[in-house]
Structures are given as C-alpha cells and as structure tokens.
C-alpha atoms as a PDB file:
ATOM      1  CA  MET A   1     -15.144  11.767  14.413  1.00  0.00           C
ATOM      2  CA  ALA A   2     -12.422   9.158  14.046  1.00  0.00           C
ATOM      3  CA  THR A   3      -9.811   8.217  11.440  1.00  0.00           C
ATOM      4  CA  TYR A   4      -9.061   4.523  10.993  1.00  0.00           C
ATOM      5  CA  ILE A   5      -6.080   3.283   8.989  1.00  0.00           C
ATOM      6  CA  ILE A   6      -6.652  -0.253   7.702  1.00  0.00           C
ATOM      7  CA  GLY A   7      -4.166  -2.850   6.477  1.00  0.00           C
ATOM      8  CA  ASP A   8      -4.213  -4.692   3.153  1.00  0.00           C
ATOM      9  CA  LEU A   9      -7.711  -5.805   2.123  1.00  0.00           C
ATOM     10  CA  GLN A  10      -6.662  -8.003  -0.814  1.00  0.00           C
ATOM     11  CA  GLY A  11     -10.237  -8.849  -1.685  1.00  0.00           C
ATOM     12  CA  CYS A  12     -11.308  -9.714   1.879  1.00  0.00           C
ATOM     13  CA  PHE A  13     -14.653  -7.917   1.858  1.00  0.00           C
ATOM     14  CA  GLU A  14     -16.547  -9.887   4.491  1.00  0.00           C
ATOM     15  CA  PRO A  15     -13.862  -9.395   7.189  1.00  0.00           C
ATOM     16  CA  LEU A  16     -13.834  -5.690   6.326  1.00  0.00           C
ATOM     17  CA  GLN A  17     -17.541  -5.444   7.054  1.00  0.00           C
ATOM     18  CA  ARG A  18     -17.081  -7.168  10.405  1.00  0.00           C
ATOM     19  CA  LEU A  19     -14.178  -4.851  11.224  1.00  0.00           C
ATOM     20  CA  LEU A  20     -16.312  -1.808  10.444  1.00  0.00           C
ATOM     21  CA  ASN A  21     -19.009  -3.157  12.740  1.00  0.00           C
ATOM     22  CA  THR A  22     -16.408  -3.678  15.464  1.00  0.00           C
ATOM     23  CA  ILE A  23     -15.282  -0.055  15.320  1.00  0.00           C
ATOM     24  CA  ASN A  24     -18.849   1.243  14.881  1.00  0.00           C
ATOM     25  CA  PHE A  25     -17.838   3.009  11.701  1.00  0.00           C
ATOM     26  CA  ASN A  26     -20.002   6.029  10.896  1.00  0.00           C
ATOM     27  CA  ALA A  27     -19.710   7.113   7.264  1.00  0.00           C
ATOM     28  CA  ALA A  28     -21.132  10.524   8.120  1.00  0.00           C
ATOM     29  CA  SER A  29     -18.340  11.453  10.504  1.00  0.00           C
ATOM     30  CA  ASP A  30     -15.454   8.952  10.342  1.00  0.00           C
ATOM     31  CA  GLN A  31     -12.704   8.484   7.764  1.00  0.00           C
ATOM     32  CA  LEU A  32     -11.165   5.254   6.501  1.00  0.00           C
ATOM     33  CA  TRP A  33      -7.606   5.160   5.190  1.00  0.00           C
ATOM     34  CA  PHE A  34      -6.518   2.015   3.317  1.00  0.00           C
ATOM     35  CA  CYS A  35      -2.850   0.972   3.053  1.00  0.00           C
ATOM     36  CA  GLY A  36      -3.175  -0.244  -0.539  1.00  0.00           C
ATOM     37  CA  ASP A  37      -3.633  -3.656  -2.172  1.00  0.00           C
ATOM     38  CA  LEU A  38      -7.394  -3.378  -2.109  1.00  0.00           C
ATOM     39  CA  ILE A  39      -7.501  -6.292  -4.542  1.00  0.00           C
ATOM     40  CA  ALA A  40      -5.960  -9.660  -5.473  1.00  0.00           C
ATOM     41  CA  ARG A  41      -5.740 -13.104  -3.864  1.00  0.00           C
ATOM     42  CA  GLY A  42      -8.895 -12.760  -1.760  1.00  0.00           C
ATOM     43  CA  PRO A  43     -12.359 -13.804  -2.983  1.00  0.00           C
ATOM     44  CA  ASP A  44     -14.098 -10.418  -3.295  1.00  0.00           C
ATOM     45  CA  SER A  45     -11.820  -7.915  -5.012  1.00  0.00           C
ATOM     46  CA  LEU A  46     -14.670  -6.339  -6.959  1.00  0.00           C
ATOM     47  CA  ALA A  47     -16.698  -5.755  -3.793  1.00  0.00           C
ATOM     48  CA  CYS A  48     -13.671  -4.232  -2.028  1.00  0.00           C
ATOM     49  CA  ILE A  49     -12.771  -1.747  -4.722  1.00  0.00           C
ATOM     50  CA  GLU A  50     -16.393  -0.783  -5.333  1.00  0.00           C
ATOM     51  CA  PHE A  51     -16.974  -0.234  -1.621  1.00  0.00           C
ATOM     52  CA  VAL A  52     -13.934   2.005  -1.180  1.00  0.00           C
ATOM     53  CA  ARG A  53     -14.695   3.965  -4.347  1.00  0.00           C
ATOM     54  CA  GLU A  54     -18.304   4.560  -3.324  1.00  0.00           C
ATOM     55  CA  LEU A  55     -17.199   5.977   0.020  1.00  0.00           C
ATOM     56  CA  GLY A  56     -15.944   9.020  -1.887  1.00  0.00           C
ATOM     57  CA  ALA A  57     -14.247  11.604   0.301  1.00  0.00           C
ATOM     58  CA  THR A  58     -14.864   9.435   3.364  1.00  0.00           C
ATOM     59  CA  ALA A  59     -12.056   7.112   2.229  1.00  0.00           C
ATOM     60  CA  LYS A  60      -8.445   7.563   1.213  1.00  0.00           C
ATOM     61  CA  THR A  61      -6.211   4.885  -0.222  1.00  0.00           C
ATOM     62  CA  VAL A  62      -2.747   4.468  -1.685  1.00  0.00           C
ATOM     63  CA  LEU A  63      -1.702   2.151  -4.476  1.00  0.00           C
ATOM     64  CA  GLY A  64      -0.085  -1.161  -3.621  1.00  0.00           C
ATOM     65  CA  ASN A  65       1.882  -3.492  -5.852  1.00  0.00           C
ATOM     66  CA  HIS A  66      -1.202  -5.599  -6.665  1.00  0.00           C
ATOM     67  CA  ASP A  67      -3.217  -2.511  -7.540  1.00  0.00           C
ATOM     68  CA  LEU A  68      -0.497  -1.247  -9.864  1.00  0.00           C
ATOM     69  CA  ASN A  69      -0.016  -4.642 -11.481  1.00  0.00           C
ATOM     70  CA  PHE A  70      -3.746  -4.795 -12.171  1.00  0.00           C
ATOM     71  CA  ILE A  71      -3.683  -1.369 -13.823  1.00  0.00           C
ATOM     72  CA  ALA A  72      -0.674  -2.465 -15.885  1.00  0.00           C
ATOM     73  CA  HIS A  73      -2.492  -5.641 -16.941  1.00  0.00           C
ATOM     74  CA  TYR A  74      -5.427  -3.559 -18.150  1.00  0.00           C
ATOM     75  CA  TYR A  75      -3.074  -1.580 -20.397  1.00  0.00           C
ATOM     76  CA  GLY A  76      -1.331  -4.711 -21.704  1.00  0.00           C
ATOM     77  CA  PHE A  77       1.789  -4.813 -19.549  1.00  0.00           C
ATOM     78  CA  GLY A  78       1.325  -6.703 -16.262  1.00  0.00           C
ATOM     79  CA  LYS A  79       0.233 -10.309 -15.880  1.00  0.00           C
ATOM     80  CA  VAL A  80      -2.592 -11.364 -13.583  1.00  0.00           C
ATOM     81  CA  LYS A  81      -2.256 -14.833 -12.066  1.00  0.00           C
ATOM     82  CA  ALA A  82      -5.118 -17.256 -11.582  1.00  0.00           C
ATOM     83  CA  SER A  83      -4.321 -17.221  -7.855  1.00  0.00           C
ATOM     84  CA  ASP A  84      -5.155 -13.491  -7.805  1.00  0.00           C
ATOM     85  CA  GLN A  85      -8.854 -14.397  -8.237  1.00  0.00           C
ATOM     86  CA  LEU A  86      -9.529 -11.316 -10.351  1.00  0.00           C
ATOM     87  CA  GLN A  87     -11.769 -12.775 -13.057  1.00  0.00           C
ATOM     88  CA  GLN A  88     -14.946 -11.210 -11.661  1.00  0.00           C
ATOM     89  CA  LEU A  89     -13.254  -7.815 -11.539  1.00  0.00           C
ATOM     90  CA  LEU A  90     -11.827  -8.207 -15.033  1.00  0.00           C
ATOM     91  CA  GLN A  91     -15.284  -9.037 -16.407  1.00  0.00           C
ATOM     92  CA  ALA A  92     -17.104  -6.233 -14.592  1.00  0.00           C
ATOM     93  CA  PRO A  93     -18.890  -3.853 -17.000  1.00  0.00           C
ATOM     94  CA  GLN A  94     -17.633  -0.901 -14.936  1.00  0.00           C
ATOM     95  CA  LEU A  95     -13.975  -1.987 -15.268  1.00  0.00           C
ATOM     96  CA  PRO A  96     -12.876   1.127 -17.232  1.00  0.00           C
ATOM     97  CA  GLU A  97     -14.331   3.375 -14.524  1.00  0.00           C
ATOM     98  CA  LEU A  98     -12.618   1.364 -11.799  1.00  0.00           C
ATOM     99  CA  ILE A  99      -9.283   1.567 -13.599  1.00  0.00           C
ATOM    100  CA  ASP A 100      -9.709   5.306 -14.021  1.00  0.00           C
ATOM    101  CA  TRP A 101     -10.453   5.631 -10.315  1.00  0.00           C
ATOM    102  CA  LEU A 102      -7.398   3.566  -9.379  1.00  0.00           C
ATOM    103  CA  ARG A 103      -5.183   5.754 -11.565  1.00  0.00           C
ATOM    104  CA  GLN A 104      -6.196   8.783  -9.498  1.00  0.00           C
ATOM    105  CA  GLN A 105      -4.933   7.225  -6.260  1.00  0.00           C
ATOM    106  CA  PRO A 106      -1.482   8.322  -5.030  1.00  0.00           C
ATOM    107  CA  LEU A 107       1.486   6.412  -3.647  1.00  0.00           C
ATOM    108  CA  ILE A 108       1.454   8.498  -0.461  1.00  0.00           C
ATOM    109  CA  GLN A 109      -1.365  10.024   1.575  1.00  0.00           C
ATOM    110  CA  GLN A 110      -0.527  12.644   4.192  1.00  0.00           C
ATOM    111  CA  SER A 111      -2.872  14.153   6.740  1.00  0.00           C
ATOM    112  CA  THR A 112      -3.891  17.782   6.303  1.00  0.00           C
ATOM    113  CA  ASP A 113      -1.830  18.851   9.293  1.00  0.00           C
ATOM    114  CA  GLY A 114       1.158  16.762   8.165  1.00  0.00           C
ATOM    115  CA  SER A 115       1.255  14.754  11.401  1.00  0.00           C
ATOM    116  CA  TYR A 116       0.874  11.322   9.796  1.00  0.00           C
ATOM    117  CA  LEU A 117       1.498   9.662   6.460  1.00  0.00           C
ATOM    118  CA  MET A 118       0.432   6.406   4.820  1.00  0.00           C
ATOM    119  CA  VAL A 119       2.283   4.367   2.180  1.00  0.00           C
ATOM    120  CA  HIS A 120       1.855   0.786   1.043  1.00  0.00           C
ATOM    121  CA  ALA A 121       5.361  -0.644   1.504  1.00  0.00           C
ATOM    122  CA  GLY A 122       7.659   2.059   2.852  1.00  0.00           C
ATOM    123  CA  LEU A 123       9.921   5.036   2.254  1.00  0.00           C
ATOM    124  CA  ALA A 124      13.344   4.490   0.741  1.00  0.00           C
ATOM    125  CA  PRO A 125      16.407   4.918   2.990  1.00  0.00           C
ATOM    126  CA  ASP A 126      17.962   7.271   0.428  1.00  0.00           C
ATOM    127  CA  TRP A 127      15.104   9.755   0.746  1.00  0.00           C
ATOM    128  CA  ASP A 128      14.159  12.454   3.172  1.00  0.00           C
ATOM    129  CA  LEU A 129      10.481  13.341   3.440  1.00  0.00           C
ATOM    130  CA  THR A 130      10.667  16.192   0.924  1.00  0.00           C
ATOM    131  CA  THR A 131      12.279  13.943  -1.679  1.00  0.00           C
ATOM    132  CA  ALA A 132       9.734  11.184  -1.044  1.00  0.00           C
ATOM    133  CA  LEU A 133       6.800  13.526  -1.555  1.00  0.00           C
ATOM    134  CA  ALA A 134       8.274  15.007  -4.729  1.00  0.00           C
ATOM    135  CA  ALA A 135       9.183  11.624  -6.237  1.00  0.00           C
ATOM    136  CA  THR A 136       5.760  10.111  -5.564  1.00  0.00           C
ATOM    137  CA  ALA A 137       3.944  13.186  -6.851  1.00  0.00           C
ATOM    138  CA  GLU A 138       5.823  12.857 -10.149  1.00  0.00           C
ATOM    139  CA  VAL A 139       4.760   9.212 -10.520  1.00  0.00           C
ATOM    140  CA  SER A 140       1.149   9.914  -9.566  1.00  0.00           C
ATOM    141  CA  LEU A 141       0.819  12.732 -12.077  1.00  0.00           C
ATOM    142  CA  LEU A 142       2.206  10.567 -14.872  1.00  0.00           C
ATOM    143  CA  LEU A 143      -0.114   7.686 -13.983  1.00  0.00           C
ATOM    144  CA  GLN A 144      -3.040  10.068 -14.411  1.00  0.00           C
ATOM    145  CA  GLN A 145      -1.828  11.766 -17.589  1.00  0.00           C
ATOM    146  CA  ASP A 146       0.125   9.108 -19.534  1.00  0.00           C
ATOM    147  CA  PRO A 147      -0.262   5.704 -17.856  1.00  0.00           C
ATOM    148  CA  LYS A 148       1.194   3.677 -20.712  1.00  0.00           C
ATOM    149  CA  LEU A 149       4.445   5.624 -20.604  1.00  0.00           C
ATOM    150  CA  LEU A 150       4.816   4.887 -16.913  1.00  0.00           C
ATOM    151  CA  LEU A 151       3.635   1.276 -16.916  1.00  0.00           C
ATOM    152  CA  ALA A 152       5.831   0.258 -19.857  1.00  0.00           C
ATOM    153  CA  THR A 153       8.922   0.943 -17.739  1.00  0.00           C
ATOM    154  CA  MET A 154       7.585   0.012 -14.281  1.00  0.00           C
ATOM    155  CA  TYR A 155       8.851  -3.556 -13.963  1.00  0.00           C
ATOM    156  CA  GLY A 156      12.370  -4.420 -12.825  1.00  0.00           C
ATOM    157  CA  ASN A 157      14.534  -4.384  -9.695  1.00  0.00           C
ATOM    158  CA  THR A 158      16.980  -1.656 -10.661  1.00  0.00           C
ATOM    159  CA  PRO A 159      18.188   0.882  -9.810  1.00  0.00           C
ATOM    160  CA  THR A 160      18.549  -0.011  -6.142  1.00  0.00           C
ATOM    161  CA  ARG A 161      19.891   3.397  -5.068  1.00  0.00           C
ATOM    162  CA  TRP A 162      18.267   6.793  -5.621  1.00  0.00           C
ATOM    163  CA  THR A 163      21.597   8.271  -6.695  1.00  0.00           C
ATOM    164  CA  ASP A 164      21.688   5.748  -9.556  1.00  0.00           C
ATOM    165  CA  ALA A 165      18.252   6.799 -10.822  1.00  0.00           C
ATOM    166  CA  ILE A 166      19.600   9.043 -13.560  1.00  0.00           C
ATOM    167  CA  THR A 167      16.812   8.923 -16.139  1.00  0.00           C
ATOM    168  CA  ALA A 168      13.154   9.740 -15.593  1.00  0.00           C
ATOM    169  CA  GLU A 169      12.222   6.105 -16.157  1.00  0.00           C
ATOM    170  CA  GLN A 170      14.702   4.998 -13.490  1.00  0.00           C
ATOM    171  CA  ARG A 171      13.285   7.529 -11.028  1.00  0.00           C
ATOM    172  CA  TRP A 172       9.754   6.272 -11.623  1.00  0.00           C
ATOM    173  CA  ARG A 173      10.738   2.618 -11.224  1.00  0.00           C
ATOM    174  CA  TYR A 174      12.775   3.233  -8.067  1.00  0.00           C
ATOM    175  CA  THR A 175       9.921   5.223  -6.554  1.00  0.00           C
ATOM    176  CA  ILE A 176       7.322   2.553  -7.320  1.00  0.00           C
ATOM    177  CA  ASN A 177       9.589  -0.200  -6.011  1.00  0.00           C
ATOM    178  CA  ALA A 178      10.267   1.647  -2.761  1.00  0.00           C
ATOM    179  CA  CYS A 179       6.657   2.597  -2.109  1.00  0.00           C
ATOM    180  CA  THR A 180       4.928  -0.615  -3.186  1.00  0.00           C
ATOM    181  CA  ARG A 181       7.417  -3.530  -3.127  1.00  0.00           C
ATOM    182  CA  MET A 182      10.226  -2.879  -0.640  1.00  0.00           C
ATOM    183  CA  ARG A 183      10.581  -4.716   2.647  1.00  0.00           C
ATOM    184  CA  PHE A 184      14.294  -5.106   3.218  1.00  0.00           C
ATOM    185  CA  CYS A 185      17.351  -3.135   2.205  1.00  0.00           C
ATOM    186  CA  GLN A 186      21.042  -3.928   2.091  1.00  0.00           C
ATOM    187  CA  THR A 187      23.066  -2.502   4.951  1.00  0.00           C
ATOM    188  CA  ASP A 188      24.099   0.425   2.706  1.00  0.00           C
ATOM    189  CA  GLY A 189      20.455   1.311   1.992  1.00  0.00           C
ATOM    190  CA  ALA A 190      20.164  -0.342  -1.443  1.00  0.00           C
ATOM    191  CA  LEU A 191      16.716  -1.771  -2.068  1.00  0.00           C
ATOM    192  CA  GLU A 192      16.371  -5.563  -1.756  1.00  0.00           C
ATOM    193  CA  LEU A 193      13.162  -6.640  -3.455  1.00  0.00           C
ATOM    194  CA  THR A 194      12.994 -10.422  -3.183  1.00  0.00           C
ATOM    195  CA  SER A 195      12.913 -11.329   0.530  1.00  0.00           C
ATOM    196  CA  LYS A 196       9.490 -11.574   2.196  1.00  0.00           C
ATOM    197  CA  THR A 197      10.164 -13.304   5.512  1.00  0.00           C
ATOM    198  CA  ALA A 198      10.297 -11.828   9.016  1.00  0.00           C
ATOM    199  CA  PRO A 199      13.418  -9.792   9.909  1.00  0.00           C
ATOM    200  CA  GLU A 200      14.700 -12.372  12.392  1.00  0.00           C
ATOM    201  CA  GLN A 201      14.724 -14.925   9.579  1.00  0.00           C
ATOM    202  CA  THR A 202      16.747 -12.738   7.224  1.00  0.00           C
ATOM    203  CA  PRO A 203      20.222 -11.988   8.615  1.00  0.00           C
ATOM    204  CA  GLY A 204      22.355  -9.603   6.612  1.00  0.00           C
ATOM    205  CA  LEU A 205      19.440  -7.405   5.546  1.00  0.00           C
ATOM    206  CA  ARG A 206      17.796  -4.485   7.353  1.00  0.00           C
ATOM    207  CA  PRO A 207      14.081  -3.632   7.341  1.00  0.00           C
ATOM    208  CA  TRP A 208      13.487  -0.343   5.553  1.00  0.00           C
ATOM    209  CA  TYR A 209      11.990   1.287   8.655  1.00  0.00           C
ATOM    210  CA  GLU A 210      15.247   0.920  10.609  1.00  0.00           C
ATOM    211  CA  PHE A 211      16.778   3.504   8.277  1.00  0.00           C
ATOM    212  CA  TRP A 212      14.054   5.962   9.325  1.00  0.00           C
ATOM    213  CA  ARG A 213      14.520   5.450  13.055  1.00  0.00           C
ATOM    214  CA  ASP A 214      16.654   8.578  13.382  1.00  0.00           C
ATOM    215  CA  LYS A 215      15.200  10.595  10.497  1.00  0.00           C
ATOM    216  CA  ALA A 216      12.630  13.350  10.840  1.00  0.00           C
ATOM    217  CA  HIS A 217       9.247  12.022   9.749  1.00  0.00           C
ATOM    218  CA  PRO A 218       5.568  12.206  10.647  1.00  0.00           C
ATOM    219  CA  GLU A 219       3.917   9.115  12.053  1.00  0.00           C
ATOM    220  CA  LEU A 220       4.171   6.502   9.309  1.00  0.00           C
ATOM    221  CA  PHE A 221       1.648   3.768   8.535  1.00  0.00           C
ATOM    222  CA  PHE A 222       2.319   0.950   6.076  1.00  0.00           C
ATOM    223  CA  GLY A 223       0.995  -2.448   5.005  1.00  0.00           C
ATOM    224  CA  HIS A 224       2.442  -4.932   2.509  1.00  0.00           C
ATOM    225  CA  TRP A 225       4.549  -7.020   4.911  1.00  0.00           C
ATOM    226  CA  ALA A 226       2.322  -9.734   6.367  1.00  0.00           C
ATOM    227  CA  ALA A 227       5.262 -11.559   7.957  1.00  0.00           C
ATOM    228  CA  LEU A 228       5.613  -8.688  10.444  1.00  0.00           C
ATOM    229  CA  ASN A 229       2.138  -9.531  11.770  1.00  0.00           C
ATOM    230  CA  GLY A 230       1.513  -5.860  12.457  1.00  0.00           C
ATOM    231  CA  TYR A 231       4.693  -5.226  14.461  1.00  0.00           C
ATOM    232  CA  SER A 232       7.321  -2.549  13.869  1.00  0.00           C
ATOM    233  CA  PRO A 233       9.892  -1.874  16.623  1.00  0.00           C
ATOM    234  CA  VAL A 234      10.473   1.718  15.517  1.00  0.00           C
ATOM    235  CA  PRO A 235       8.441   4.304  17.450  1.00  0.00           C
ATOM    236  CA  GLY A 236       6.080   6.230  15.202  1.00  0.00           C
ATOM    237  CA  ILE A 237       6.199   3.665  12.369  1.00  0.00           C
ATOM    238  CA  HIS A 238       3.210   1.320  12.343  1.00  0.00           C
ATOM    239  CA  ALA A 239       2.851  -1.958  10.430  1.00  0.00           C
ATOM    240  CA  LEU A 240      -0.789  -2.762   9.641  1.00  0.00           C
ATOM    241  CA  ASP A 241      -0.784  -5.802   7.342  1.00  0.00           C
ATOM    242  CA  THR A 242      -1.753  -8.663   9.635  1.00  0.00           C
ATOM    243  CA  GLY A 243      -2.273 -11.217   6.878  1.00  0.00           C
ATOM    244  CA  CYS A 244      -6.051 -11.394   6.519  1.00  0.00           C
ATOM    245  CA  VAL A 245      -5.808 -12.949   3.061  1.00  0.00           C
ATOM    246  CA  TRP A 246      -3.633 -15.709   4.557  1.00  0.00           C
ATOM    247  CA  GLY A 247      -6.253 -16.569   7.173  1.00  0.00           C
ATOM    248  CA  ASN A 248      -5.021 -14.256   9.909  1.00  0.00           C
ATOM    249  CA  MET A 249      -6.442 -10.857  10.864  1.00  0.00           C
ATOM    250  CA  LEU A 250      -7.577  -7.586   9.324  1.00  0.00           C
ATOM    251  CA  THR A 251      -6.480  -4.634  11.444  1.00  0.00           C
ATOM    252  CA  ALA A 252      -7.480  -0.991  11.826  1.00  0.00           C
ATOM    253  CA  TYR A 253      -5.601   1.674  13.804  1.00  0.00           C
ATOM    254  CA  CYS A 254      -7.509   4.640  15.209  1.00  0.00           C
ATOM    255  CA  VAL A 255      -5.412   7.792  14.947  1.00  0.00           C
ATOM    256  CA  GLU A 256      -7.292   9.640  17.645  1.00  0.00           C
ATOM    257  CA  ASN A 257      -7.183   7.079  20.465  1.00  0.00           C
ATOM    258  CA  ARG A 258      -4.109   5.162  19.225  1.00  0.00           C
ATOM    259  CA  GLN A 259      -5.890   1.830  19.555  1.00  0.00           C
ATOM    260  CA  ARG A 260      -5.833  -1.189  17.251  1.00  0.00           C
ATOM    261  CA  TYR A 261      -8.896  -3.224  16.340  1.00  0.00           C
ATOM    262  CA  SER A 262      -8.724  -6.588  14.579  1.00  0.00           C
ATOM    263  CA  VAL A 263     -11.021  -9.316  13.291  1.00  0.00           C
ATOM    264  CA  TRP A 264     -10.118 -12.783  12.081  1.00  0.00           C
ATOM    265  CA  ALA A 265     -10.347 -13.628   8.402  1.00  0.00           C
ATOM    266  CA  GLU A 266     -13.055 -16.172   9.251  1.00  0.00           C
ATOM    267  CA  GLN A 267     -15.604 -15.494  11.943  1.00  0.00           C
ATOM    268  CA  LYS A 268     -14.949 -17.576  15.046  1.00  0.00           C
END
C-alpha cells in the first residue's frame, strides 16, 4: 500500500495516466491525494474530474482556486475564461453532479494519524494549525450547506491579516485566499495575492512557507505555485506543482518511501 500526493492536474489527463503507470498505481491498495486545481487550462478537465470522482475513497483532493472559481461560475458569480478550456465540462450532462461533488471537497486534507497535511496554496502566517483547521472547516461546511452565501462574498484581496477579519464574510474570504491563492506575504505576514514569480525574482516579499519554518506543523504538501518547480527550501514543506499545464512535468510524492516521480507533459 502506498499514498501518492500529486500536484496540480489542471486538465492534464493523459500525463496523469502515464504518471500512474510509472508508479504502478494499484487502485485496490494505493491512495491518490490531489493538491487541487483538477481542472482549467489543460485540454481534458472533464476527464480529470470524472476520473478522480470515480476513484471514490481511493482518492482525496482539496479545492484549488480554479475549482472554486468554476463552482462560483456555476452559481452565477465567477467568470470562466476561454483559455480555461472548460466548454466540454460546462456542457456535460452530469455537470450538476460534478458540482455537487466538488462542493463536498475540503480546503485541507489531513492524514488519519495527523502526520501530514495537504492544501492547495498554503497556510496563512497568522494561523497556527488549530486555527487553520477550524477556519477551513467553517468554509467547507458553508460551501456544502449554503454555497451562494459563501460564493457571493468570495472574491477580493482583503482583509490581508487574520486579525482584520472581523465579520464572517471576511473570515471566509481570508481563509479561501490563504488556502487557494496565496504565494507571497509581506514581511509582516500580510497576504500578497498578485505576485506569481519565483522568490528570487520578488525581493521585498516572503514566501508563505518561510513563516512556517519555525512553527509546529505536520508535513505539509501544496501545489499552486508552478514557478517553484517543485522546490521548497523549508524542511517538511513540499511543493508539488511542477507546471504540467505549462509543458513541464506532473509530479507525485510517495509518502511511504519519500520519493518523487515525474512525467513530462508530452511523452518524449
């Protein structure tokens, strides 16, 4: 039995199948964890989401920013771009069932023994682990029970500090931004939600994971930040988005043997 944590799929179904062949994935005994953004920008979003859903208990995923934007679009709030290549998914007869399934997915997945945790973008500097779990549980429950209430207030870059999240709507937005959009923070820990480059190209800002270097946390796995090319310098915090949708690699990390496995976006 093995557990593999896989970076952003973003509609890259064919590379996923080659990656599963590379690791000799066995659906009867192995587990697949997906770092979110199952869909958008790649050519086969419908195949990706259907595949993960049909795996049932064999797979776990978290919501990424593209997943949440797609849900919001379905309810009349978010906008889907032509470059997201989501027309086939939008026209699928099973779309309501897929949206319902997406709404059941959390922002954080933690292993049964608590030794590792997966999130799409990261954990806010202002949080400890207990706060992160409570804040994300609140958002997940609302997404299941009253999605329109949540999605109507989801968009926006403020507040940037947890202490400034006074209202429920501000808490929800901060939590979603931290877990699905964040890469950098200001030096005081305020969220910075516009920069997407590599850390060495962005002086004056700090990657979110640097704030967790000296905090108590389980092993953390995240995607979202393709410019890192799968590298985090902080021990116990693993970057897994290696930019498959941009023509680079799709990567899986095996929890048990601590090995990485990657395939190129196009077979070479």
